[in-house]
């Protein structure tokens, strides 16, 4: 297990607050599964459940992959504009042992910028689209990611 220690902003010795890739991955997987189940149940209660055929799962997988890229890009935008880093100080990749994609700040930044950059993807690619989906009943933004045409079923009316 590799752990990285960053120095404090300004050059002094920093405190190691890293988490292992394995722990971070498993916590993320568990949290994602819990949120997807909760969001799906809530959406289905409010707007009905779609027919989940093959096209549904293919679209859901595609949306998942696009969401991962958008998530990491949003971290990078946060590092750049909220943390004050240059693009050269940000790297992207996949930690192959854990299967975790990442955006990595290679230089120290103010803690406030780092915290904001860490939270930003959850707001931009998670909570905002979910809130719109739940309030407006827009299925493409919700947890079911179904299409209105192209072989997908029509939205099921809300349960009464």
N, C-alpha and C. Protein backbone atom coordinates (compact mmCIF):
# COMPACT_ATOMS: atom_id res chain seq x y z
N UNK A 1 0.85 -1.16 0.00
CA UNK A 1 0.00 0.00 0.00
C UNK A 1 0.90 1.23 0.00
N UNK A 2 0.64 2.13 -0.93
CA UNK A 2 1.43 3.35 -1.05
C UNK A 2 0.68 4.50 -0.42
N UNK A 3 1.34 5.24 0.44
CA UNK A 3 0.74 6.40 1.07
C UNK A 3 1.59 7.62 0.74
N UNK A 4 0.93 8.71 0.48
CA UNK A 4 1.62 9.93 0.09
C UNK A 4 1.39 10.98 1.16
N UNK A 5 2.45 11.68 1.55
CA UNK A 5 2.33 12.76 2.51
C UNK A 5 2.62 14.06 1.78
N UNK A 6 1.73 15.02 1.91
CA UNK A 6 1.95 16.33 1.31
C UNK A 6 2.41 17.29 2.38
N UNK A 7 3.35 18.14 2.04
CA UNK A 7 3.80 19.17 2.97
C UNK A 7 2.74 20.24 3.14
N UNK A 8 2.87 21.00 4.18
CA UNK A 8 1.92 22.08 4.42
C UNK A 8 2.12 23.18 3.39
N UNK A 9 1.07 23.93 3.10
CA UNK A 9 1.18 25.05 2.18
C UNK A 9 2.19 26.01 2.78
N UNK A 10 3.12 26.45 1.98
CA UNK A 10 4.16 27.33 2.47
C UNK A 10 5.47 26.60 2.71
N UNK A 11 5.47 25.26 2.59
CA UNK A 11 6.72 24.53 2.60
C UNK A 11 7.02 23.71 3.83
N UNK A 12 6.35 23.88 4.95
CA UNK A 12 6.66 23.12 6.16
C UNK A 12 6.24 21.67 6.05
N UNK A 13 6.60 20.88 7.07
CA UNK A 13 6.21 19.47 7.09
C UNK A 13 4.72 19.37 7.34
N UNK A 14 4.06 18.52 6.59
CA UNK A 14 2.61 18.39 6.71
C UNK A 14 2.23 17.17 7.51
N UNK A 15 0.96 17.06 7.78
CA UNK A 15 0.42 15.94 8.50
C UNK A 15 -0.15 14.96 7.49
N UNK A 16 0.14 13.68 7.66
CA UNK A 16 -0.35 12.65 6.75
C UNK A 16 -1.82 12.39 7.03
N UNK A 17 -2.66 12.73 6.06
CA UNK A 17 -4.10 12.49 6.20
C UNK A 17 -4.62 11.66 5.03
N UNK A 18 -3.76 10.86 4.46
CA UNK A 18 -4.16 10.06 3.31
C UNK A 18 -4.92 8.82 3.76
N UNK A 19 -5.67 8.28 2.83
CA UNK A 19 -6.41 7.05 3.04
C UNK A 19 -5.94 6.07 1.97
N UNK A 20 -5.84 4.81 2.30
CA UNK A 20 -5.38 3.83 1.31
C UNK A 20 -6.37 3.76 0.15
N UNK A 21 -5.85 3.42 -1.03
CA UNK A 21 -6.71 3.28 -2.21
C UNK A 21 -7.78 2.23 -1.96
N UNK A 22 -7.39 1.14 -1.34
CA UNK A 22 -8.34 0.04 -1.11
C UNK A 22 -9.51 0.51 -0.24
N UNK A 23 -9.22 1.19 0.86
CA UNK A 23 -10.28 1.67 1.75
C UNK A 23 -11.15 2.70 1.05
N UNK A 24 -10.52 3.64 0.36
CA UNK A 24 -11.28 4.68 -0.35
C UNK A 24 -12.20 4.06 -1.39
N UNK A 25 -11.71 3.05 -2.11
CA UNK A 25 -12.51 2.40 -3.15
C UNK A 25 -13.71 1.70 -2.54
N UNK A 26 -13.52 0.92 -1.48
CA UNK A 26 -14.62 0.18 -0.89
C UNK A 26 -15.65 1.10 -0.24
N UNK A 27 -15.19 2.17 0.40
CA UNK A 27 -16.13 3.13 0.98
C UNK A 27 -16.93 3.80 -0.14
N UNK A 28 -16.26 4.15 -1.25
CA UNK A 28 -16.95 4.78 -2.38
C UNK A 28 -17.97 3.84 -3.01
N UNK A 29 -17.61 2.59 -3.18
CA UNK A 29 -18.53 1.61 -3.77
C UNK A 29 -19.76 1.45 -2.88
N UNK A 30 -19.55 1.29 -1.58
CA UNK A 30 -20.67 1.12 -0.65
C UNK A 30 -21.57 2.36 -0.65
N UNK A 31 -20.97 3.53 -0.62
CA UNK A 31 -21.76 4.77 -0.62
C UNK A 31 -22.53 4.93 -1.92
N UNK A 32 -21.91 4.59 -3.04
CA UNK A 32 -22.57 4.71 -4.35
C UNK A 32 -23.77 3.76 -4.43
N UNK A 33 -23.58 2.53 -4.02
CA UNK A 33 -24.68 1.57 -4.05
C UNK A 33 -25.83 2.05 -3.17
N UNK A 34 -25.52 2.53 -1.98
CA UNK A 34 -26.57 3.01 -1.08
C UNK A 34 -27.32 4.19 -1.69
N UNK A 35 -26.60 5.16 -2.27
CA UNK A 35 -27.25 6.33 -2.87
C UNK A 35 -28.08 5.95 -4.09
N UNK A 36 -27.58 5.05 -4.92
CA UNK A 36 -28.34 4.65 -6.11
C UNK A 36 -29.63 3.94 -5.71
N UNK A 37 -29.55 3.06 -4.72
CA UNK A 37 -30.76 2.37 -4.27
C UNK A 37 -31.76 3.37 -3.69
N UNK A 38 -31.28 4.26 -2.83
CA UNK A 38 -32.18 5.25 -2.21
C UNK A 38 -32.79 6.18 -3.27
N UNK A 39 -31.98 6.65 -4.20
CA UNK A 39 -32.49 7.56 -5.24
C UNK A 39 -33.48 6.85 -6.16
N UNK A 40 -33.20 5.59 -6.50
CA UNK A 40 -34.10 4.83 -7.37
C UNK A 40 -35.44 4.60 -6.69
N UNK A 41 -35.41 4.19 -5.44
CA UNK A 41 -36.66 3.97 -4.71
C UNK A 41 -37.46 5.27 -4.62
N UNK A 42 -36.79 6.36 -4.27
CA UNK A 42 -37.49 7.65 -4.16
C UNK A 42 -38.07 8.07 -5.50
N UNK A 43 -37.29 7.94 -6.58
CA UNK A 43 -37.78 8.30 -7.91
C UNK A 43 -38.97 7.43 -8.30
N UNK A 44 -38.86 6.14 -8.05
CA UNK A 44 -39.95 5.22 -8.41
C UNK A 44 -41.22 5.52 -7.63
N UNK A 45 -41.10 5.90 -6.36
CA UNK A 45 -42.26 6.26 -5.56
C UNK A 45 -42.93 7.52 -6.13
N UNK A 46 -42.11 8.50 -6.52
CA UNK A 46 -42.65 9.76 -7.02
C UNK A 46 -43.16 9.68 -8.46
N UNK A 47 -42.47 8.92 -9.32
CA UNK A 47 -42.77 8.97 -10.76
C UNK A 47 -43.04 7.60 -11.41
N UNK A 48 -43.04 6.55 -10.65
CA UNK A 48 -43.27 5.22 -11.22
C UNK A 48 -41.97 4.58 -11.66
N UNK A 49 -42.03 3.29 -11.85
CA UNK A 49 -40.84 2.52 -12.21
C UNK A 49 -40.86 2.17 -13.69
N UNK A 50 -39.76 2.38 -14.40
CA UNK A 50 -39.72 2.04 -15.82
C UNK A 50 -39.52 0.54 -16.02
N UNK A 51 -39.79 0.08 -17.24
CA UNK A 51 -39.48 -1.28 -17.63
C UNK A 51 -37.97 -1.33 -17.82
N UNK A 52 -37.28 -2.18 -17.07
CA UNK A 52 -35.81 -2.21 -17.10
C UNK A 52 -35.31 -3.34 -18.00
N UNK A 53 -35.41 -3.11 -19.31
CA UNK A 53 -34.92 -4.08 -20.28
C UNK A 53 -33.44 -3.85 -20.61
N UNK A 54 -32.97 -4.53 -21.65
CA UNK A 54 -31.55 -4.43 -22.05
C UNK A 54 -31.16 -3.00 -22.40
N UNK A 55 -32.00 -2.30 -23.14
CA UNK A 55 -31.68 -0.92 -23.52
C UNK A 55 -31.50 -0.05 -22.29
N UNK A 56 -32.33 -0.25 -21.29
CA UNK A 56 -32.21 0.50 -20.03
C UNK A 56 -30.82 0.32 -19.44
N UNK A 57 -30.36 -0.93 -19.34
CA UNK A 57 -29.07 -1.21 -18.70
C UNK A 57 -27.90 -0.72 -19.55
N UNK A 58 -28.02 -0.78 -20.88
CA UNK A 58 -26.96 -0.23 -21.73
C UNK A 58 -26.85 1.28 -21.56
N UNK A 59 -27.99 1.95 -21.51
CA UNK A 59 -27.98 3.40 -21.32
C UNK A 59 -27.45 3.74 -19.92
N UNK A 60 -27.87 2.98 -18.93
CA UNK A 60 -27.39 3.22 -17.56
C UNK A 60 -25.88 3.05 -17.48
N UNK A 61 -25.34 2.03 -18.15
CA UNK A 61 -23.89 1.82 -18.13
C UNK A 61 -23.17 2.97 -18.84
N UNK A 62 -23.69 3.39 -19.98
CA UNK A 62 -23.09 4.53 -20.70
C UNK A 62 -23.12 5.79 -19.86
N UNK A 63 -24.24 6.04 -19.20
CA UNK A 63 -24.36 7.21 -18.33
C UNK A 63 -23.38 7.11 -17.16
N UNK A 64 -23.17 5.91 -16.66
CA UNK A 64 -22.23 5.69 -15.57
C UNK A 64 -20.81 6.05 -15.99
N UNK A 65 -20.40 5.58 -17.17
CA UNK A 65 -19.04 5.87 -17.67
C UNK A 65 -18.87 7.37 -17.91
N UNK A 66 -19.84 8.00 -18.55
CA UNK A 66 -19.78 9.45 -18.78
C UNK A 66 -19.74 10.19 -17.44
N UNK A 67 -20.52 9.70 -16.48
CA UNK A 67 -20.54 10.31 -15.16
C UNK A 67 -19.20 10.23 -14.45
N UNK A 68 -18.48 9.13 -14.61
CA UNK A 68 -17.15 9.00 -13.99
C UNK A 68 -16.20 10.03 -14.57
N UNK A 69 -16.19 10.17 -15.88
CA UNK A 69 -15.31 11.16 -16.53
C UNK A 69 -15.68 12.57 -16.07
N UNK A 70 -16.97 12.87 -16.06
CA UNK A 70 -17.42 14.20 -15.62
C UNK A 70 -17.07 14.44 -14.15
N UNK A 71 -17.18 13.42 -13.34
CA UNK A 71 -16.85 13.52 -11.92
C UNK A 71 -15.39 13.91 -11.73
N UNK A 72 -14.49 13.20 -12.38
CA UNK A 72 -13.06 13.49 -12.23
C UNK A 72 -12.70 14.84 -12.85
N UNK A 73 -13.33 15.18 -13.97
CA UNK A 73 -13.09 16.50 -14.59
C UNK A 73 -13.54 17.62 -13.65
N UNK A 74 -14.63 17.40 -12.93
CA UNK A 74 -15.11 18.40 -11.99
C UNK A 74 -14.15 18.57 -10.82
N UNK A 75 -13.56 17.45 -10.35
CA UNK A 75 -12.50 17.56 -9.33
C UNK A 75 -11.38 18.45 -9.86
N UNK A 76 -10.94 18.17 -11.08
CA UNK A 76 -9.83 18.93 -11.67
C UNK A 76 -10.17 20.41 -11.80
N UNK A 77 -11.38 20.71 -12.22
CA UNK A 77 -11.79 22.12 -12.30
C UNK A 77 -11.76 22.78 -10.93
N UNK A 78 -12.15 22.03 -9.91
CA UNK A 78 -12.08 22.55 -8.55
C UNK A 78 -10.65 22.79 -8.11
N UNK A 79 -9.75 21.84 -8.40
CA UNK A 79 -8.33 22.02 -8.06
C UNK A 79 -7.78 23.27 -8.75
N UNK A 80 -8.17 23.43 -10.02
CA UNK A 80 -7.65 24.55 -10.81
C UNK A 80 -8.20 25.89 -10.33
N UNK A 81 -9.50 26.01 -10.23
CA UNK A 81 -10.10 27.32 -10.00
C UNK A 81 -10.39 27.62 -8.53
N UNK A 82 -10.58 26.61 -7.71
CA UNK A 82 -10.83 26.85 -6.28
C UNK A 82 -9.58 26.63 -5.44
N UNK A 83 -8.70 25.76 -5.94
CA UNK A 83 -7.45 25.48 -5.22
C UNK A 83 -6.26 26.28 -5.73
N UNK A 84 -6.44 26.95 -6.88
CA UNK A 84 -5.39 27.80 -7.40
C UNK A 84 -4.24 27.06 -8.08
N UNK A 85 -4.43 25.82 -8.47
CA UNK A 85 -3.36 25.08 -9.14
C UNK A 85 -3.38 25.34 -10.64
N UNK A 86 -2.23 25.14 -11.27
CA UNK A 86 -2.17 25.23 -12.73
C UNK A 86 -2.54 23.85 -13.28
N UNK A 87 -2.85 23.79 -14.57
CA UNK A 87 -3.20 22.51 -15.19
C UNK A 87 -2.03 21.54 -15.13
N UNK A 88 -0.81 22.04 -15.12
CA UNK A 88 0.37 21.16 -15.03
C UNK A 88 0.50 20.50 -13.67
N UNK A 89 -0.17 21.03 -12.68
CA UNK A 89 -0.11 20.48 -11.33
C UNK A 89 -1.24 19.49 -11.07
N UNK A 90 -1.99 19.15 -12.09
CA UNK A 90 -3.12 18.22 -11.97
C UNK A 90 -2.90 17.06 -12.93
N UNK A 91 -3.06 15.85 -12.44
CA UNK A 91 -2.92 14.69 -13.31
C UNK A 91 -4.18 13.82 -13.21
N UNK A 92 -4.38 13.02 -14.25
CA UNK A 92 -5.51 12.10 -14.33
C UNK A 92 -4.98 10.70 -14.56
N UNK A 93 -5.74 9.71 -14.17
CA UNK A 93 -5.34 8.35 -14.44
C UNK A 93 -6.29 7.36 -13.82
N UNK A 94 -5.85 6.10 -13.84
CA UNK A 94 -6.61 5.01 -13.21
C UNK A 94 -5.64 4.24 -12.34
N UNK A 95 -5.98 4.05 -11.10
CA UNK A 95 -5.20 3.20 -10.20
C UNK A 95 -5.66 1.77 -10.49
N UNK A 96 -4.86 1.04 -11.26
CA UNK A 96 -5.29 -0.24 -11.81
C UNK A 96 -5.54 -1.32 -10.77
N UNK A 97 -4.80 -1.31 -9.66
CA UNK A 97 -5.03 -2.34 -8.63
C UNK A 97 -6.43 -2.24 -8.04
N UNK A 98 -6.92 -1.02 -7.89
CA UNK A 98 -8.24 -0.85 -7.29
C UNK A 98 -9.32 -0.53 -8.32
N UNK A 99 -8.90 -0.24 -9.56
CA UNK A 99 -9.86 0.13 -10.59
C UNK A 99 -10.43 1.52 -10.40
N UNK A 100 -9.71 2.37 -9.70
CA UNK A 100 -10.20 3.71 -9.36
C UNK A 100 -9.67 4.77 -10.31
N UNK A 101 -10.55 5.44 -11.03
CA UNK A 101 -10.10 6.60 -11.81
C UNK A 101 -9.83 7.74 -10.84
N UNK A 102 -8.95 8.65 -11.22
CA UNK A 102 -8.65 9.76 -10.31
C UNK A 102 -8.24 11.02 -11.06
N UNK A 103 -8.44 12.13 -10.38
CA UNK A 103 -7.84 13.41 -10.72
C UNK A 103 -6.99 13.73 -9.50
N UNK A 104 -5.73 14.02 -9.71
CA UNK A 104 -4.80 14.18 -8.60
C UNK A 104 -4.14 15.55 -8.63
N UNK A 105 -4.18 16.22 -7.49
CA UNK A 105 -3.47 17.49 -7.34
C UNK A 105 -2.04 17.15 -6.92
N UNK A 106 -1.08 17.46 -7.79
CA UNK A 106 0.31 17.10 -7.50
C UNK A 106 1.02 18.10 -6.60
N UNK A 107 0.36 19.18 -6.27
CA UNK A 107 0.96 20.21 -5.42
C UNK A 107 -0.01 20.55 -4.29
N UNK A 108 0.55 21.00 -3.17
CA UNK A 108 -0.33 21.42 -2.07
C UNK A 108 -1.18 22.61 -2.48
N UNK A 109 -2.32 22.72 -1.83
CA UNK A 109 -3.22 23.85 -2.07
C UNK A 109 -3.88 24.19 -0.74
N UNK A 110 -4.50 25.34 -0.65
CA UNK A 110 -5.20 25.66 0.60
C UNK A 110 -6.27 24.62 0.91
N UNK A 111 -6.43 24.31 2.19
CA UNK A 111 -7.40 23.29 2.59
C UNK A 111 -8.81 23.65 2.13
N UNK A 112 -9.16 24.91 2.15
CA UNK A 112 -10.51 25.31 1.73
C UNK A 112 -10.74 24.99 0.25
N UNK A 113 -9.74 25.22 -0.59
CA UNK A 113 -9.85 24.90 -2.01
C UNK A 113 -9.94 23.40 -2.23
N UNK A 114 -9.17 22.63 -1.46
CA UNK A 114 -9.20 21.18 -1.58
C UNK A 114 -10.56 20.63 -1.17
N UNK A 115 -11.06 21.11 -0.04
CA UNK A 115 -12.38 20.64 0.43
C UNK A 115 -13.47 20.94 -0.60
N UNK A 116 -13.43 22.13 -1.15
CA UNK A 116 -14.44 22.50 -2.15
C UNK A 116 -14.31 21.62 -3.40
N UNK A 117 -13.08 21.35 -3.83
CA UNK A 117 -12.85 20.52 -5.02
C UNK A 117 -13.29 19.08 -4.79
N UNK A 118 -13.19 18.61 -3.56
CA UNK A 118 -13.62 17.24 -3.24
C UNK A 118 -15.14 17.13 -3.25
N UNK A 119 -15.83 18.14 -2.77
CA UNK A 119 -17.29 18.12 -2.68
C UNK A 119 -17.96 18.45 -4.02
N UNK A 120 -17.32 19.25 -4.84
CA UNK A 120 -17.91 19.77 -6.07
C UNK A 120 -18.53 18.70 -6.98
N UNK A 121 -17.87 17.59 -7.28
CA UNK A 121 -18.50 16.60 -8.17
C UNK A 121 -19.79 16.01 -7.62
N UNK A 122 -19.86 15.84 -6.32
CA UNK A 122 -21.10 15.32 -5.74
C UNK A 122 -22.27 16.26 -5.95
N UNK A 123 -21.98 17.55 -5.94
CA UNK A 123 -23.04 18.53 -6.16
C UNK A 123 -23.38 18.65 -7.64
N UNK A 124 -22.36 18.75 -8.48
CA UNK A 124 -22.56 19.02 -9.91
C UNK A 124 -23.06 17.79 -10.67
N UNK A 125 -22.48 16.63 -10.41
CA UNK A 125 -22.86 15.43 -11.18
C UNK A 125 -23.76 14.48 -10.39
N UNK A 126 -24.11 14.84 -9.16
CA UNK A 126 -24.93 13.97 -8.35
C UNK A 126 -26.21 14.62 -7.85
N UNK A 127 -26.08 15.49 -6.87
CA UNK A 127 -27.26 16.04 -6.22
C UNK A 127 -28.08 16.97 -7.11
N UNK A 128 -27.43 17.82 -7.88
CA UNK A 128 -28.19 18.75 -8.74
C UNK A 128 -29.04 18.00 -9.77
N UNK A 129 -28.47 17.07 -10.55
CA UNK A 129 -29.32 16.34 -11.49
C UNK A 129 -30.41 15.50 -10.80
N UNK A 130 -30.08 14.91 -9.66
CA UNK A 130 -31.07 14.12 -8.93
C UNK A 130 -32.22 15.00 -8.45
N UNK A 131 -31.89 16.16 -7.92
CA UNK A 131 -32.94 17.07 -7.45
C UNK A 131 -33.86 17.49 -8.59
N UNK A 132 -33.28 17.80 -9.75
CA UNK A 132 -34.09 18.18 -10.91
C UNK A 132 -34.97 17.00 -11.33
N UNK A 133 -34.39 15.80 -11.35
CA UNK A 133 -35.15 14.61 -11.75
C UNK A 133 -36.32 14.36 -10.81
N UNK A 134 -36.08 14.49 -9.51
CA UNK A 134 -37.13 14.22 -8.54
C UNK A 134 -38.24 15.26 -8.58
N UNK A 135 -37.85 16.52 -8.71
CA UNK A 135 -38.84 17.59 -8.70
C UNK A 135 -39.61 17.65 -10.02
N UNK A 136 -38.88 17.60 -11.14
CA UNK A 136 -39.50 17.79 -12.45
C UNK A 136 -39.91 16.48 -13.12
N UNK A 137 -39.46 15.35 -12.57
CA UNK A 137 -39.79 14.06 -13.19
C UNK A 137 -39.08 13.86 -14.51
N UNK A 138 -37.86 14.36 -14.62
CA UNK A 138 -37.07 14.21 -15.85
C UNK A 138 -36.27 12.93 -15.72
N UNK A 139 -36.70 11.86 -16.39
CA UNK A 139 -36.07 10.56 -16.17
C UNK A 139 -34.61 10.49 -16.61
N UNK A 140 -34.21 11.25 -17.62
CA UNK A 140 -32.83 11.18 -18.09
C UNK A 140 -31.85 11.70 -17.04
N UNK A 141 -32.31 12.47 -16.08
CA UNK A 141 -31.45 12.97 -15.02
C UNK A 141 -31.55 12.14 -13.75
N UNK A 142 -32.55 11.29 -13.68
CA UNK A 142 -32.78 10.51 -12.48
C UNK A 142 -32.00 9.21 -12.49
N UNK A 143 -32.21 8.40 -11.47
CA UNK A 143 -31.44 7.18 -11.34
C UNK A 143 -31.77 6.12 -12.38
N UNK A 144 -32.92 6.22 -13.07
CA UNK A 144 -33.26 5.18 -14.04
C UNK A 144 -32.70 5.44 -15.43
N UNK A 145 -32.36 6.68 -15.78
CA UNK A 145 -31.70 7.05 -17.03
C UNK A 145 -32.38 6.49 -18.28
N UNK A 146 -33.71 6.39 -18.29
CA UNK A 146 -34.38 5.82 -19.46
C UNK A 146 -34.60 6.89 -20.52
N UNK A 147 -34.75 6.45 -21.74
CA UNK A 147 -35.06 7.35 -22.85
C UNK A 147 -36.55 7.31 -23.12
N UNK A 148 -37.07 8.36 -23.72
CA UNK A 148 -38.49 8.39 -24.05
C UNK A 148 -38.78 7.69 -25.36
N UNK A 149 -37.78 7.59 -26.21
CA UNK A 149 -37.97 6.93 -27.52
C UNK A 149 -36.85 5.95 -27.75
N UNK A 150 -36.84 5.35 -28.91
CA UNK A 150 -35.73 4.47 -29.29
C UNK A 150 -35.79 3.11 -28.62
N UNK A 151 -36.97 2.53 -28.50
CA UNK A 151 -37.07 1.20 -27.96
C UNK A 151 -37.28 1.14 -26.45
N UNK A 152 -37.23 2.28 -25.79
CA UNK A 152 -37.44 2.29 -24.36
C UNK A 152 -38.93 2.40 -24.07
N UNK A 153 -39.31 1.91 -22.90
CA UNK A 153 -40.72 2.02 -22.54
C UNK A 153 -41.08 3.45 -22.20
N UNK A 154 -42.37 3.74 -22.30
CA UNK A 154 -42.85 5.06 -21.91
C UNK A 154 -42.84 5.15 -20.40
N UNK A 155 -42.75 6.34 -19.86
CA UNK A 155 -42.77 6.49 -18.39
C UNK A 155 -44.06 5.90 -17.81
N UNK A 156 -43.90 5.17 -16.73
CA UNK A 156 -45.03 4.60 -16.02
C UNK A 156 -45.66 5.68 -15.15
N UNK A 157 -46.99 5.80 -15.14
CA UNK A 157 -47.60 6.81 -14.27
C UNK A 157 -47.25 6.56 -12.80
N UNK A 158 -47.24 7.63 -12.03
CA UNK A 158 -46.95 7.51 -10.61
C UNK A 158 -47.99 6.63 -9.94
N UNK A 159 -47.56 5.90 -8.93
CA UNK A 159 -48.48 5.03 -8.18
C UNK A 159 -49.44 5.88 -7.38
N UNK A 160 -50.64 5.36 -7.25
CA UNK A 160 -51.65 6.10 -6.45
C UNK A 160 -51.95 5.35 -5.17
